[in-house]
N, C-alpha and C. Protein backbone atom coordinates (compact mmCIF):
# COMPACT_ATOMS: atom_id res chain seq x y z
N MET A 1 0.84 -1.18 0.00
CA MET A 1 0.00 0.00 0.00
C MET A 1 0.88 1.24 0.00
N TYR A 2 0.51 2.25 -0.81
CA TYR A 2 1.20 3.52 -0.76
C TYR A 2 0.18 4.64 -0.85
N ARG A 3 0.55 5.79 -0.32
CA ARG A 3 -0.28 6.97 -0.48
C ARG A 3 0.61 8.19 -0.51
N PHE A 4 0.16 9.22 -1.23
CA PHE A 4 0.90 10.45 -1.36
C PHE A 4 0.37 11.46 -0.35
N VAL A 5 1.29 12.24 0.24
CA VAL A 5 0.95 13.34 1.13
C VAL A 5 1.55 14.58 0.49
N GLU A 6 0.71 15.55 0.13
CA GLU A 6 1.19 16.71 -0.61
C GLU A 6 1.89 17.72 0.28
N HIS A 7 2.93 18.33 -0.29
CA HIS A 7 3.69 19.42 0.30
C HIS A 7 3.86 20.46 -0.79
N THR A 8 4.24 21.67 -0.43
CA THR A 8 4.55 22.69 -1.42
C THR A 8 5.85 22.29 -2.10
N ALA A 9 5.80 22.09 -3.41
CA ALA A 9 6.96 21.71 -4.24
C ALA A 9 7.55 20.36 -3.84
N GLU A 10 6.88 19.64 -2.98
CA GLU A 10 7.33 18.32 -2.58
C GLU A 10 6.13 17.39 -2.51
N LEU A 11 6.42 16.12 -2.61
CA LEU A 11 5.40 15.10 -2.50
C LEU A 11 5.94 14.02 -1.57
N GLU A 12 5.26 13.83 -0.45
CA GLU A 12 5.69 12.81 0.52
C GLU A 12 5.00 11.49 0.19
N LEU A 13 5.78 10.45 0.15
CA LEU A 13 5.28 9.13 -0.16
C LEU A 13 5.41 8.25 1.08
N GLU A 14 4.29 7.73 1.56
CA GLU A 14 4.27 6.80 2.68
C GLU A 14 4.03 5.40 2.14
N LEU A 15 4.79 4.44 2.62
CA LEU A 15 4.75 3.07 2.12
C LEU A 15 4.56 2.10 3.27
N GLU A 16 3.81 1.03 3.01
CA GLU A 16 3.60 0.00 4.03
C GLU A 16 3.46 -1.35 3.34
N GLU A 17 4.29 -2.31 3.74
CA GLU A 17 4.26 -3.65 3.16
C GLU A 17 4.76 -4.65 4.19
N GLU A 18 4.75 -5.92 3.80
CA GLU A 18 5.15 -7.00 4.71
C GLU A 18 6.65 -7.22 4.77
N SER A 19 7.40 -6.62 3.85
CA SER A 19 8.85 -6.83 3.80
C SER A 19 9.53 -5.58 3.26
N ALA A 20 10.85 -5.52 3.43
CA ALA A 20 11.61 -4.41 2.85
C ALA A 20 11.51 -4.44 1.33
N GLU A 21 11.56 -5.65 0.74
CA GLU A 21 11.40 -5.77 -0.71
C GLU A 21 10.04 -5.22 -1.15
N GLY A 22 9.01 -5.54 -0.37
CA GLY A 22 7.67 -5.05 -0.69
C GLY A 22 7.58 -3.54 -0.68
N VAL A 23 8.26 -2.90 0.27
CA VAL A 23 8.26 -1.44 0.33
C VAL A 23 8.94 -0.88 -0.92
N LEU A 24 10.06 -1.47 -1.32
CA LEU A 24 10.75 -0.97 -2.52
C LEU A 24 9.90 -1.18 -3.77
N LEU A 25 9.20 -2.29 -3.85
CA LEU A 25 8.31 -2.53 -5.00
C LEU A 25 7.15 -1.54 -5.02
N GLU A 26 6.60 -1.22 -3.86
CA GLU A 26 5.54 -0.22 -3.81
C GLU A 26 6.07 1.16 -4.20
N ALA A 27 7.31 1.45 -3.81
CA ALA A 27 7.94 2.71 -4.22
C ALA A 27 8.06 2.76 -5.74
N LEU A 28 8.41 1.63 -6.36
CA LEU A 28 8.48 1.55 -7.82
C LEU A 28 7.11 1.82 -8.43
N ARG A 29 6.07 1.23 -7.88
CA ARG A 29 4.71 1.43 -8.42
C ARG A 29 4.29 2.89 -8.31
N ALA A 30 4.61 3.52 -7.18
CA ALA A 30 4.28 4.93 -7.00
C ALA A 30 5.06 5.79 -7.98
N PHE A 31 6.35 5.48 -8.16
CA PHE A 31 7.18 6.20 -9.11
C PHE A 31 6.61 6.06 -10.52
N ALA A 32 6.18 4.85 -10.87
CA ALA A 32 5.59 4.60 -12.19
C ALA A 32 4.33 5.43 -12.40
N GLU A 33 3.55 5.60 -11.35
CA GLU A 33 2.34 6.42 -11.46
C GLU A 33 2.69 7.87 -11.77
N LEU A 34 3.79 8.35 -11.19
CA LEU A 34 4.19 9.74 -11.38
C LEU A 34 4.86 9.98 -12.73
N THR A 35 5.58 9.00 -13.25
CA THR A 35 6.35 9.21 -14.48
C THR A 35 5.63 8.74 -15.74
N GLY A 36 4.63 7.90 -15.59
CA GLY A 36 3.87 7.44 -16.75
C GLY A 36 4.31 6.08 -17.23
N ARG A 37 3.64 5.61 -18.28
CA ARG A 37 3.90 4.29 -18.85
C ARG A 37 4.63 4.42 -20.17
N GLY A 38 5.47 3.45 -20.44
CA GLY A 38 6.17 3.40 -21.71
C GLY A 38 5.40 2.53 -22.71
N ARG A 39 5.97 2.39 -23.89
CA ARG A 39 5.36 1.57 -24.95
C ARG A 39 6.41 0.66 -25.53
N GLY A 40 5.95 -0.30 -26.27
CA GLY A 40 6.88 -1.18 -26.96
C GLY A 40 7.29 -2.38 -26.14
N ALA A 41 8.41 -2.93 -26.52
CA ALA A 41 8.90 -4.16 -25.91
C ALA A 41 9.32 -3.96 -24.46
N LEU A 42 9.12 -5.00 -23.68
CA LEU A 42 9.55 -5.00 -22.29
C LEU A 42 11.08 -5.06 -22.23
N VAL A 43 11.66 -4.20 -21.42
CA VAL A 43 13.11 -4.12 -21.25
C VAL A 43 13.44 -4.51 -19.81
N GLU A 44 14.51 -5.27 -19.64
CA GLU A 44 14.97 -5.65 -18.30
C GLU A 44 16.34 -5.03 -18.04
N ARG A 45 16.52 -4.51 -16.83
CA ARG A 45 17.80 -3.95 -16.43
C ARG A 45 18.19 -4.55 -15.07
N PRO A 46 19.42 -5.05 -14.96
CA PRO A 46 19.87 -5.50 -13.64
C PRO A 46 20.09 -4.28 -12.75
N VAL A 47 19.80 -4.43 -11.47
CA VAL A 47 20.04 -3.35 -10.51
C VAL A 47 20.81 -3.90 -9.31
N ASP A 48 21.68 -3.07 -8.81
CA ASP A 48 22.46 -3.38 -7.61
C ASP A 48 22.64 -2.07 -6.87
N VAL A 49 21.84 -1.86 -5.86
CA VAL A 49 21.82 -0.58 -5.13
C VAL A 49 22.24 -0.85 -3.69
N GLU A 50 23.23 -0.09 -3.22
CA GLU A 50 23.71 -0.26 -1.86
C GLU A 50 23.74 1.10 -1.17
N ALA A 51 23.51 1.09 0.13
CA ALA A 51 23.47 2.33 0.90
C ALA A 51 24.01 2.06 2.32
N PRO A 52 24.27 3.10 3.07
CA PRO A 52 24.78 2.91 4.43
C PRO A 52 23.76 2.29 5.40
N ASP A 53 22.46 2.51 5.12
CA ASP A 53 21.43 1.96 6.00
C ASP A 53 20.13 1.80 5.20
N LEU A 54 19.12 1.23 5.84
CA LEU A 54 17.86 0.96 5.14
C LEU A 54 17.13 2.21 4.64
N PRO A 55 17.01 3.27 5.45
CA PRO A 55 16.35 4.46 4.90
C PRO A 55 17.06 5.01 3.67
N MET A 56 18.38 5.02 3.70
CA MET A 56 19.14 5.50 2.55
C MET A 56 18.98 4.55 1.36
N LEU A 57 18.74 3.27 1.62
CA LEU A 57 18.49 2.32 0.54
C LEU A 57 17.21 2.69 -0.21
N LEU A 58 16.17 3.09 0.51
CA LEU A 58 14.93 3.52 -0.13
C LEU A 58 15.20 4.72 -1.04
N ALA A 59 15.96 5.70 -0.55
CA ALA A 59 16.29 6.87 -1.36
C ALA A 59 17.14 6.47 -2.57
N ALA A 60 18.13 5.62 -2.36
CA ALA A 60 19.00 5.18 -3.45
C ALA A 60 18.22 4.40 -4.51
N TRP A 61 17.26 3.60 -4.07
CA TRP A 61 16.42 2.84 -4.99
C TRP A 61 15.63 3.78 -5.91
N LEU A 62 15.00 4.79 -5.32
CA LEU A 62 14.24 5.74 -6.12
C LEU A 62 15.16 6.58 -7.02
N GLU A 63 16.36 6.90 -6.53
CA GLU A 63 17.32 7.61 -7.37
C GLU A 63 17.72 6.75 -8.57
N GLU A 64 17.87 5.45 -8.38
CA GLU A 64 18.19 4.54 -9.48
C GLU A 64 17.07 4.53 -10.51
N LEU A 65 15.82 4.47 -10.05
CA LEU A 65 14.68 4.50 -10.97
C LEU A 65 14.63 5.82 -11.73
N LEU A 66 14.90 6.92 -11.04
CA LEU A 66 14.92 8.23 -11.68
C LEU A 66 16.05 8.30 -12.72
N PHE A 67 17.20 7.74 -12.39
CA PHE A 67 18.34 7.70 -13.31
C PHE A 67 17.97 6.92 -14.58
N LEU A 68 17.36 5.74 -14.41
CA LEU A 68 16.96 4.93 -15.57
C LEU A 68 15.94 5.67 -16.44
N ALA A 69 15.02 6.38 -15.80
CA ALA A 69 14.01 7.13 -16.55
C ALA A 69 14.65 8.28 -17.33
N GLU A 70 15.58 8.98 -16.70
CA GLU A 70 16.19 10.14 -17.34
C GLU A 70 17.22 9.77 -18.40
N THR A 71 18.02 8.74 -18.16
CA THR A 71 19.11 8.42 -19.08
C THR A 71 18.72 7.41 -20.15
N GLU A 72 17.85 6.46 -19.82
CA GLU A 72 17.46 5.42 -20.77
C GLU A 72 16.00 5.51 -21.20
N ARG A 73 15.29 6.49 -20.62
CA ARG A 73 13.85 6.64 -20.88
C ARG A 73 13.09 5.36 -20.55
N LEU A 74 13.61 4.65 -19.55
CA LEU A 74 13.00 3.40 -19.10
C LEU A 74 11.99 3.70 -17.99
N LEU A 75 10.72 3.42 -18.27
CA LEU A 75 9.66 3.65 -17.30
C LEU A 75 9.33 2.31 -16.65
N PRO A 76 9.62 2.18 -15.35
CA PRO A 76 9.49 0.88 -14.69
C PRO A 76 8.04 0.44 -14.54
N GLU A 77 7.87 -0.88 -14.61
CA GLU A 77 6.56 -1.49 -14.37
C GLU A 77 6.59 -2.47 -13.22
N ASP A 78 7.72 -3.16 -13.07
CA ASP A 78 7.81 -4.20 -12.05
C ASP A 78 9.28 -4.50 -11.79
N ALA A 79 9.53 -5.29 -10.76
CA ALA A 79 10.90 -5.70 -10.46
C ALA A 79 10.89 -6.98 -9.66
N GLU A 80 11.99 -7.68 -9.72
CA GLU A 80 12.27 -8.79 -8.82
C GLU A 80 13.45 -8.33 -7.98
N LEU A 81 13.27 -8.32 -6.66
CA LEU A 81 14.29 -7.77 -5.78
C LEU A 81 14.59 -8.69 -4.61
N SER A 82 15.83 -8.59 -4.18
CA SER A 82 16.25 -9.23 -2.94
C SER A 82 16.97 -8.17 -2.13
N VAL A 83 16.57 -8.02 -0.87
CA VAL A 83 17.22 -7.06 0.02
C VAL A 83 17.97 -7.83 1.09
N ARG A 84 19.25 -7.57 1.18
CA ARG A 84 20.10 -8.15 2.22
C ARG A 84 20.87 -7.01 2.86
N GLY A 85 20.61 -6.80 4.14
CA GLY A 85 21.20 -5.64 4.79
C GLY A 85 20.66 -4.39 4.15
N ALA A 86 21.58 -3.51 3.72
CA ALA A 86 21.18 -2.27 3.06
C ALA A 86 21.57 -2.32 1.59
N ARG A 87 21.36 -3.49 0.97
CA ARG A 87 21.66 -3.68 -0.45
C ARG A 87 20.48 -4.37 -1.13
N ALA A 88 20.08 -3.84 -2.28
CA ALA A 88 19.00 -4.42 -3.08
C ALA A 88 19.57 -4.82 -4.43
N THR A 89 19.33 -6.06 -4.82
CA THR A 89 19.77 -6.55 -6.12
C THR A 89 18.59 -7.19 -6.83
N GLY A 90 18.63 -7.18 -8.14
CA GLY A 90 17.56 -7.81 -8.89
C GLY A 90 17.45 -7.28 -10.30
N ILE A 91 16.23 -7.34 -10.82
CA ILE A 91 15.92 -6.94 -12.20
C ILE A 91 14.75 -5.97 -12.18
N VAL A 92 14.89 -4.87 -12.89
CA VAL A 92 13.78 -3.92 -13.12
C VAL A 92 13.27 -4.15 -14.53
N ARG A 93 11.95 -4.23 -14.66
CA ARG A 93 11.31 -4.38 -15.96
C ARG A 93 10.48 -3.15 -16.27
N GLY A 94 10.55 -2.70 -17.50
CA GLY A 94 9.75 -1.56 -17.92
C GLY A 94 9.77 -1.41 -19.42
N ARG A 95 9.23 -0.32 -19.88
CA ARG A 95 9.18 -0.02 -21.31
C ARG A 95 9.71 1.39 -21.53
N ARG A 96 10.23 1.63 -22.70
CA ARG A 96 10.76 2.95 -23.02
C ARG A 96 9.61 3.92 -23.32
N GLY A 97 9.84 5.15 -22.96
CA GLY A 97 8.83 6.17 -23.20
C GLY A 97 9.36 7.54 -22.85
N SER A 98 8.46 8.47 -22.73
CA SER A 98 8.80 9.84 -22.36
C SER A 98 8.31 10.08 -20.94
N PRO A 99 9.21 10.00 -19.96
CA PRO A 99 8.78 10.19 -18.57
C PRO A 99 8.26 11.61 -18.34
N ARG A 100 7.17 11.69 -17.60
CA ARG A 100 6.69 13.01 -17.19
C ARG A 100 7.77 13.61 -16.28
N PRO A 101 8.10 14.86 -16.47
CA PRO A 101 9.18 15.47 -15.68
C PRO A 101 8.73 15.91 -14.29
N LEU A 102 7.87 15.15 -13.67
CA LEU A 102 7.32 15.55 -12.38
C LEU A 102 8.35 15.41 -11.25
N VAL A 103 9.04 14.29 -11.18
CA VAL A 103 9.99 14.06 -10.08
C VAL A 103 11.34 14.66 -10.47
N LYS A 104 11.81 15.63 -9.67
CA LYS A 104 13.10 16.25 -9.92
C LYS A 104 14.21 15.57 -9.13
N ALA A 105 13.90 15.18 -7.90
CA ALA A 105 14.93 14.60 -7.04
C ALA A 105 14.29 13.88 -5.87
N VAL A 106 15.08 13.01 -5.25
CA VAL A 106 14.69 12.31 -4.03
C VAL A 106 15.39 13.04 -2.89
N THR A 107 14.64 13.43 -1.87
CA THR A 107 15.25 14.15 -0.75
C THR A 107 15.48 13.20 0.43
N LEU A 108 16.22 13.66 1.40
CA LEU A 108 16.47 12.88 2.61
C LEU A 108 15.57 13.33 3.75
N HIS A 109 14.76 14.34 3.49
CA HIS A 109 13.85 14.89 4.50
C HIS A 109 12.83 13.83 4.93
N ARG A 110 12.72 13.57 6.22
CA ARG A 110 11.76 12.64 6.82
C ARG A 110 11.90 11.20 6.29
N LEU A 111 13.07 10.86 5.77
CA LEU A 111 13.33 9.55 5.20
C LEU A 111 13.23 8.46 6.26
N ARG A 112 12.55 7.35 5.90
CA ARG A 112 12.37 6.25 6.86
C ARG A 112 12.15 4.95 6.11
N LEU A 113 12.72 3.87 6.64
CA LEU A 113 12.41 2.50 6.22
C LEU A 113 12.77 1.60 7.39
N ARG A 114 11.74 0.97 7.99
CA ARG A 114 12.00 0.12 9.16
C ARG A 114 10.79 -0.76 9.44
N PRO A 115 11.03 -1.87 10.14
CA PRO A 115 9.90 -2.69 10.58
C PRO A 115 9.21 -2.00 11.77
N ASP A 116 7.88 -2.15 11.82
CA ASP A 116 7.12 -1.51 12.88
C ASP A 116 5.87 -2.35 13.15
N ASN A 117 5.83 -3.03 14.28
CA ASN A 117 4.68 -3.85 14.67
C ASN A 117 4.27 -4.87 13.59
N GLY A 118 5.25 -5.58 13.07
CA GLY A 118 4.95 -6.65 12.12
C GLY A 118 4.83 -6.25 10.66
N VAL A 119 4.93 -4.95 10.35
CA VAL A 119 4.92 -4.49 8.97
C VAL A 119 6.13 -3.59 8.74
N TRP A 120 6.48 -3.44 7.49
CA TRP A 120 7.56 -2.52 7.13
C TRP A 120 6.94 -1.21 6.69
N ARG A 121 7.48 -0.11 7.21
CA ARG A 121 6.99 1.22 6.86
C ARG A 121 8.13 2.05 6.28
N GLY A 122 7.80 2.74 5.20
CA GLY A 122 8.77 3.62 4.58
C GLY A 122 8.15 4.97 4.31
N ARG A 123 9.02 5.96 4.21
CA ARG A 123 8.57 7.32 3.89
C ARG A 123 9.71 8.02 3.17
N VAL A 124 9.38 8.73 2.13
CA VAL A 124 10.37 9.52 1.39
C VAL A 124 9.66 10.74 0.82
N VAL A 125 10.38 11.83 0.74
CA VAL A 125 9.84 13.06 0.18
C VAL A 125 10.53 13.30 -1.16
N LEU A 126 9.70 13.51 -2.19
CA LEU A 126 10.19 13.75 -3.54
C LEU A 126 10.06 15.22 -3.87
N ASP A 127 11.11 15.78 -4.48
CA ASP A 127 11.08 17.14 -4.96
C ASP A 127 10.40 17.12 -6.32
N VAL A 128 9.29 17.85 -6.44
CA VAL A 128 8.52 17.84 -7.70
C VAL A 128 8.42 19.23 -8.29
């Protein structure tokens, strides 16, 4: 589950899933909603994202998706991920297209990713 919380020039994304992988996948789905859908053949890209801690992993994951959208015009649809420690590896699947220029950057403001009462909760603020 994800939901957006609006800010002036920012968009806060709250995430809740059963695992750290689930939170990252929900972040991908939310990112896809903001950037749009591509067309044509499905493209796969290997990903290997590492950070100093779990909250920074969430930010690094979204930065990787933003990088793929900006440099390869790859609009993500899904992924297979494994999270070990503060490292996520796997495959991102998407289609090429023209990403909406809504997301400018991933901020560290109010950044969170942690287990809480049996569920994983994440939060990140996007500069829009």
